[in-house]
Amino acid sequence: GDEISHLIILGICSALRRGDACRLEWSSVSADCKIIAVRTNKTGKTVQIPVFPPLRRALLSRPRNSKYVFPELARMITTNPDGVSLRVKKFLSDLGYDMDGETRSRGLKKANTRGYHSLRTTFVTLAFEAGLAESTIRQITGHTTDVIARYYYQPRAESIREEFEQKMATIFGEEAS
């Protein structure tokens, strides 16, 4: 329901890892819902995340009757983390997404390419495509190395074509179309 759809919006708009997103507390969200400042569980680093309009709308619509933004998911992530993953996959599958992704073997740890963690890839790709500096993306995601560009950025074919055309046009002294 709403918790899962709002969790997915949070993942796409913040790149928070699953546990950090499920355990997000209202005390980490600014009163006007424009900034999330949260200490990440994996690295212990505090990240400051600007809240984009779709996420702000989702946050403003959430009840504040718990210390957690997602009280049911905060309970579930502690007792049954796979249950959260299954709900996310089911929600996305019901929307028509193919959730039978392969397992990524590069990087520090294997990860399914079609699950909650893939929302970090979506965020990083959208941020790069929007022109954010890698240093800014690293601050938001909590990464301290260039792992972002190597493992998370998945440029779209159209972006690659546009960049290639622009660079090649410069070489040949032409204007890009």
C-alpha atoms as a PDB file:
ATOM      1  CA  GLY A   1       0.000   0.000   0.000  1.00  0.00           C
ATOM      2  CA  ASP A   2       1.016   3.546   0.761  1.00  0.00           C
ATOM      3  CA  GLU A   3       3.987   2.544   2.927  1.00  0.00           C
ATOM      4  CA  ILE A   4       5.552   0.577   0.078  1.00  0.00           C
ATOM      5  CA  SER A   5       4.814   3.158  -2.618  1.00  0.00           C
ATOM      6  CA  HIS A   6       6.172   5.934  -0.395  1.00  0.00           C
ATOM      7  CA  LEU A   7       9.223   3.794   0.469  1.00  0.00           C
ATOM      8  CA  ILE A   8       9.923   3.397  -3.260  1.00  0.00           C
ATOM      9  CA  ILE A   9       9.579   7.155  -3.790  1.00  0.00           C
ATOM     10  CA  LEU A  10      11.986   7.675  -0.877  1.00  0.00           C
ATOM     11  CA  GLY A  11      14.463   5.218  -2.419  1.00  0.00           C
ATOM     12  CA  ILE A  12      14.372   6.840  -5.846  1.00  0.00           C
ATOM     13  CA  CYS A  13      14.602  10.384  -4.451  1.00  0.00           C
ATOM     14  CA  SER A  14      17.189   9.782  -1.719  1.00  0.00           C
ATOM     15  CA  ALA A  15      19.259   6.671  -2.465  1.00  0.00           C
ATOM     16  CA  LEU A  16      18.804   5.600   1.160  1.00  0.00           C
ATOM     17  CA  ARG A  17      19.540   1.951   1.746  1.00  0.00           C
ATOM     18  CA  ARG A  18      16.593  -0.279   2.621  1.00  0.00           C
ATOM     19  CA  GLY A  19      17.214  -0.425   6.382  1.00  0.00           C
ATOM     20  CA  ASP A  20      17.850   3.320   6.687  1.00  0.00           C
ATOM     21  CA  ALA A  21      14.716   4.071   4.677  1.00  0.00           C
ATOM     22  CA  CYS A  22      12.492   1.701   6.664  1.00  0.00           C
ATOM     23  CA  ARG A  23      13.821   3.054   9.968  1.00  0.00           C
ATOM     24  CA  LEU A  24      13.650   6.712   8.936  1.00  0.00           C
ATOM     25  CA  GLU A  25      12.497   8.774  11.903  1.00  0.00           C
ATOM     26  CA  TRP A  26      10.480  11.968  11.729  1.00  0.00           C
ATOM     27  CA  SER A  27      13.223  13.643  13.770  1.00  0.00           C
ATOM     28  CA  SER A  28      15.485  13.214  10.705  1.00  0.00           C
ATOM     29  CA  VAL A  29      13.037  15.081   8.459  1.00  0.00           C
ATOM     30  CA  SER A  30      12.985  18.893   8.625  1.00  0.00           C
ATOM     31  CA  ALA A  31       9.706  20.461   9.778  1.00  0.00           C
ATOM     32  CA  ASP A  32       8.985  21.710   6.244  1.00  0.00           C
ATOM     33  CA  CYS A  33       9.941  18.311   4.744  1.00  0.00           C
ATOM     34  CA  LYS A  34      12.648  19.850   2.551  1.00  0.00           C
ATOM     35  CA  ILE A  35      15.744  18.155   4.037  1.00  0.00           C
ATOM     36  CA  ILE A  36      16.411  14.705   5.449  1.00  0.00           C
ATOM     37  CA  ALA A  37      19.478  14.470   7.695  1.00  0.00           C
ATOM     38  CA  VAL A  38      20.112  10.883   8.689  1.00  0.00           C
ATOM     39  CA  ARG A  39      23.024   8.891  10.082  1.00  0.00           C
ATOM     40  CA  THR A  40      23.401   5.867   7.825  1.00  0.00           C
ATOM     41  CA  ASN A  41      23.619   2.461   9.417  1.00  0.00           C
ATOM     42  CA  LYS A  42      26.248   1.044   7.029  1.00  0.00           C
ATOM     43  CA  THR A  43      28.853   3.790   7.281  1.00  0.00           C
ATOM     44  CA  GLY A  44      27.740   5.780  10.317  1.00  0.00           C
ATOM     45  CA  LYS A  45      28.034   8.886   8.177  1.00  0.00           C
ATOM     46  CA  THR A  46      25.346  11.559   8.414  1.00  0.00           C
ATOM     47  CA  VAL A  47      23.983  12.494   5.024  1.00  0.00           C
ATOM     48  CA  GLN A  48      21.905  15.556   4.129  1.00  0.00           C
ATOM     49  CA  ILE A  49      19.379  14.796   1.440  1.00  0.00           C
ATOM     50  CA  PRO A  50      17.420  17.504  -0.375  1.00  0.00           C
ATOM     51  CA  VAL A  51      13.786  16.472  -0.651  1.00  0.00           C
ATOM     52  CA  PHE A  52      12.380  16.633  -4.167  1.00  0.00           C
ATOM     53  CA  PRO A  53       8.681  17.487  -4.729  1.00  0.00           C
ATOM     54  CA  PRO A  54       7.371  13.906  -5.230  1.00  0.00           C
ATOM     55  CA  LEU A  55       9.042  12.802  -1.996  1.00  0.00           C
ATOM     56  CA  ARG A  56       7.921  15.932  -0.161  1.00  0.00           C
ATOM     57  CA  ARG A  57       4.306  15.238  -1.174  1.00  0.00           C
ATOM     58  CA  ALA A  58       4.629  11.642   0.032  1.00  0.00           C
ATOM     59  CA  LEU A  59       6.148  12.720   3.360  1.00  0.00           C
ATOM     60  CA  LEU A  60       3.530  15.411   3.941  1.00  0.00           C
ATOM     61  CA  SER A  61       0.767  12.850   3.346  1.00  0.00           C
ATOM     62  CA  ARG A  62       2.148  10.407   5.947  1.00  0.00           C
ATOM     63  CA  PRO A  63       0.592  10.290   9.423  1.00  0.00           C
ATOM     64  CA  ARG A  64       2.892  11.384  12.248  1.00  0.00           C
ATOM     65  CA  ASN A  65       1.535   9.015  14.861  1.00  0.00           C
ATOM     66  CA  SER A  66       4.842   7.168  15.350  1.00  0.00           C
ATOM     67  CA  LYS A  67       8.479   8.163  15.659  1.00  0.00           C
ATOM     68  CA  TYR A  68       9.008   6.340  12.358  1.00  0.00           C
ATOM     69  CA  VAL A  69       7.914   7.605   8.961  1.00  0.00           C
ATOM     70  CA  PHE A  70       7.071   3.974   8.059  1.00  0.00           C
ATOM     71  CA  PRO A  71       6.116   2.307  11.371  1.00  0.00           C
ATOM     72  CA  GLU A  72       5.033  -1.045   9.882  1.00  0.00           C
ATOM     73  CA  LEU A  73       8.184  -1.302   7.764  1.00  0.00           C
ATOM     74  CA  ALA A  74      10.382  -0.270  10.707  1.00  0.00           C
ATOM     75  CA  ARG A  75       9.010  -3.278  12.610  1.00  0.00           C
ATOM     76  CA  MET A  76       9.297  -5.593   9.621  1.00  0.00           C
ATOM     77  CA  ILE A  77      12.890  -4.661   8.707  1.00  0.00           C
ATOM     78  CA  THR A  78      13.949  -5.733  12.204  1.00  0.00           C
ATOM     79  CA  THR A  79      12.091  -9.047  12.297  1.00  0.00           C
ATOM     80  CA  ASN A  80      11.806 -10.003   8.610  1.00  0.00           C
ATOM     81  CA  PRO A  81      13.942  -7.886   6.236  1.00  0.00           C
ATOM     82  CA  ASP A  82      13.171 -10.213   3.324  1.00  0.00           C
ATOM     83  CA  GLY A  83       9.492  -9.401   3.837  1.00  0.00           C
ATOM     84  CA  VAL A  84      10.210  -5.774   2.934  1.00  0.00           C
ATOM     85  CA  SER A  85      12.070  -6.852  -0.187  1.00  0.00           C
ATOM     86  CA  LEU A  86       9.244  -9.161  -1.221  1.00  0.00           C
ATOM     87  CA  ARG A  87       6.664  -6.397  -0.776  1.00  0.00           C
ATOM     88  CA  VAL A  88       8.748  -3.992  -2.866  1.00  0.00           C
ATOM     89  CA  LYS A  89       9.167  -6.592  -5.620  1.00  0.00           C
ATOM     90  CA  LYS A  90       5.462  -7.436  -5.592  1.00  0.00           C
ATOM     91  CA  PHE A  91       4.491  -3.755  -5.763  1.00  0.00           C
ATOM     92  CA  LEU A  92       6.811  -3.113  -8.715  1.00  0.00           C
ATOM     93  CA  SER A  93       5.748  -6.357 -10.411  1.00  0.00           C
ATOM     94  CA  ASP A  94       2.093  -5.341 -10.062  1.00  0.00           C
ATOM     95  CA  LEU A  95       3.012  -2.121 -11.893  1.00  0.00           C
ATOM     96  CA  GLY A  96       4.345  -4.208 -14.778  1.00  0.00           C
ATOM     97  CA  TYR A  97       8.079  -4.207 -14.036  1.00  0.00           C
ATOM     98  CA  ASP A  98      10.002  -7.403 -14.772  1.00  0.00           C
ATOM     99  CA  MET A  99      11.424  -8.291 -11.363  1.00  0.00           C
ATOM    100  CA  ASP A 100      13.407 -11.336 -12.483  1.00  0.00           C
ATOM    101  CA  GLY A 101      16.742  -9.497 -12.542  1.00  0.00           C
ATOM    102  CA  GLU A 102      20.126 -11.068 -12.529  1.00  0.00           C
ATOM    103  CA  THR A 103      22.436 -10.875  -9.546  1.00  0.00           C
ATOM    104  CA  ARG A 104      25.202  -8.313  -9.810  1.00  0.00           C
ATOM    105  CA  SER A 105      28.534  -9.920  -9.027  1.00  0.00           C
ATOM    106  CA  ARG A 106      30.814  -6.902  -9.288  1.00  0.00           C
ATOM    107  CA  GLY A 107      31.434  -4.678  -6.321  1.00  0.00           C
ATOM    108  CA  LEU A 108      31.858  -5.632  -2.715  1.00  0.00           C
ATOM    109  CA  LYS A 109      28.792  -7.794  -2.478  1.00  0.00           C
ATOM    110  CA  LYS A 110      26.292  -9.480  -4.731  1.00  0.00           C
ATOM    111  CA  ALA A 111      23.012  -7.635  -5.162  1.00  0.00           C
ATOM    112  CA  ASN A 112      19.890  -8.326  -7.156  1.00  0.00           C
ATOM    113  CA  THR A 113      19.615  -5.788  -9.943  1.00  0.00           C
ATOM    114  CA  ARG A 114      15.817  -5.666  -9.600  1.00  0.00           C
ATOM    115  CA  GLY A 115      14.908  -4.863  -6.031  1.00  0.00           C
ATOM    116  CA  TYR A 116      14.968  -2.079  -3.486  1.00  0.00           C
ATOM    117  CA  HIS A 117      18.737  -1.614  -3.762  1.00  0.00           C
ATOM    118  CA  SER A 118      18.376  -0.898  -7.479  1.00  0.00           C
ATOM    119  CA  LEU A 119      16.645   2.356  -6.486  1.00  0.00           C
ATOM    120  CA  ARG A 120      20.098   3.643  -5.443  1.00  0.00           C
ATOM    121  CA  THR A 121      21.209   3.040  -9.026  1.00  0.00           C
ATOM    122  CA  THR A 122      18.128   4.892 -10.264  1.00  0.00           C
ATOM    123  CA  PHE A 123      18.882   7.863  -7.998  1.00  0.00           C
ATOM    124  CA  VAL A 124      22.550   8.036  -8.991  1.00  0.00           C
ATOM    125  CA  THR A 125      21.743   7.747 -12.693  1.00  0.00           C
ATOM    126  CA  LEU A 126      19.057  10.458 -12.518  1.00  0.00           C
ATOM    127  CA  ALA A 127      21.380  12.714 -10.493  1.00  0.00           C
ATOM    128  CA  PHE A 128      24.225  12.337 -13.017  1.00  0.00           C
ATOM    129  CA  GLU A 129      21.810  12.872 -15.913  1.00  0.00           C
ATOM    130  CA  ALA A 130      20.505  16.033 -14.212  1.00  0.00           C
ATOM    131  CA  GLY A 131      24.075  17.348 -14.095  1.00  0.00           C
ATOM    132  CA  LEU A 132      24.816  17.035 -10.382  1.00  0.00           C
ATOM    133  CA  ALA A 133      28.501  16.903  -9.577  1.00  0.00           C
ATOM    134  CA  GLU A 134      29.828  13.527  -8.468  1.00  0.00           C
ATOM    135  CA  SER A 135      30.965  15.092  -5.192  1.00  0.00           C
ATOM    136  CA  THR A 136      27.382  16.217  -4.486  1.00  0.00           C
ATOM    137  CA  ILE A 137      26.014  12.771  -5.320  1.00  0.00           C
ATOM    138  CA  ARG A 138      28.600  11.196  -3.016  1.00  0.00           C
ATOM    139  CA  GLN A 139      27.534  13.533  -0.193  1.00  0.00           C
ATOM    140  CA  ILE A 140      23.881  12.555  -0.625  1.00  0.00           C
ATOM    141  CA  THR A 141      24.558   8.810  -0.881  1.00  0.00           C
ATOM    142  CA  GLY A 142      27.255   8.738   1.778  1.00  0.00           C
ATOM    143  CA  HIS A 143      29.934   7.291  -0.485  1.00  0.00           C
ATOM    144  CA  THR A 144      33.496   8.451   0.030  1.00  0.00           C
ATOM    145  CA  THR A 145      35.064   6.953  -3.095  1.00  0.00           C
ATOM    146  CA  ASP A 146      34.416   6.907  -6.829  1.00  0.00           C
ATOM    147  CA  VAL A 147      32.387   3.690  -6.459  1.00  0.00           C
ATOM    148  CA  ILE A 148      29.331   5.690  -7.548  1.00  0.00           C
ATOM    149  CA  ALA A 149      30.432   6.158 -11.138  1.00  0.00           C
ATOM    150  CA  ARG A 150      31.769   2.613 -11.439  1.00  0.00           C
ATOM    151  CA  TYR A 151      28.895   0.636  -9.936  1.00  0.00           C
ATOM    152  CA  TYR A 152      25.786   2.780  -9.713  1.00  0.00           C
ATOM    153  CA  TYR A 153      25.683   5.039 -12.766  1.00  0.00           C
ATOM    154  CA  GLN A 154      23.776   3.363 -15.612  1.00  0.00           C
ATOM    155  CA  PRO A 155      23.479   5.899 -18.437  1.00  0.00           C
ATOM    156  CA  ARG A 156      20.550   5.576 -20.801  1.00  0.00           C
ATOM    157  CA  ALA A 157      21.333   4.872 -24.437  1.00  0.00           C
ATOM    158  CA  GLU A 158      19.871   8.256 -25.443  1.00  0.00           C
ATOM    159  CA  SER A 159      22.195  10.071 -23.022  1.00  0.00           C
ATOM    160  CA  ILE A 160      25.194   8.228 -24.424  1.00  0.00           C
ATOM    161  CA  ARG A 161      24.107   9.048 -27.992  1.00  0.00           C
ATOM    162  CA  GLU A 162      23.628  12.744 -27.151  1.00  0.00           C
ATOM    163  CA  GLU A 163      27.011  13.027 -25.450  1.00  0.00           C
ATOM    164  CA  PHE A 164      28.749  11.147 -28.263  1.00  0.00           C
ATOM    165  CA  GLU A 165      27.074  13.272 -30.932  1.00  0.00           C
ATOM    166  CA  GLN A 166      28.016  16.492 -29.143  1.00  0.00           C
ATOM    167  CA  LYS A 167      31.663  15.473 -28.679  1.00  0.00           C
ATOM    168  CA  MET A 168      31.998  14.152 -32.232  1.00  0.00           C
ATOM    169  CA  ALA A 169      30.375  17.280 -33.666  1.00  0.00           C
ATOM    170  CA  THR A 170      33.056  19.324 -31.907  1.00  0.00           C
ATOM    171  CA  ILE A 171      35.800  17.168 -33.408  1.00  0.00           C
ATOM    172  CA  PHE A 172      34.370  17.569 -36.913  1.00  0.00           C
ATOM    173  CA  GLY A 173      33.602  21.259 -36.471  1.00  0.00           C
ATOM    174  CA  GLU A 174      29.835  20.769 -36.759  1.00  0.00           C
ATOM    175  CA  GLU A 175      26.889  21.638 -34.577  1.00  0.00           C
ATOM    176  CA  ALA A 176      25.184  18.821 -32.705  1.00  0.00           C
ATOM    177  CA  SER A 177      21.613  18.203 -33.847  1.00  0.00           C
END
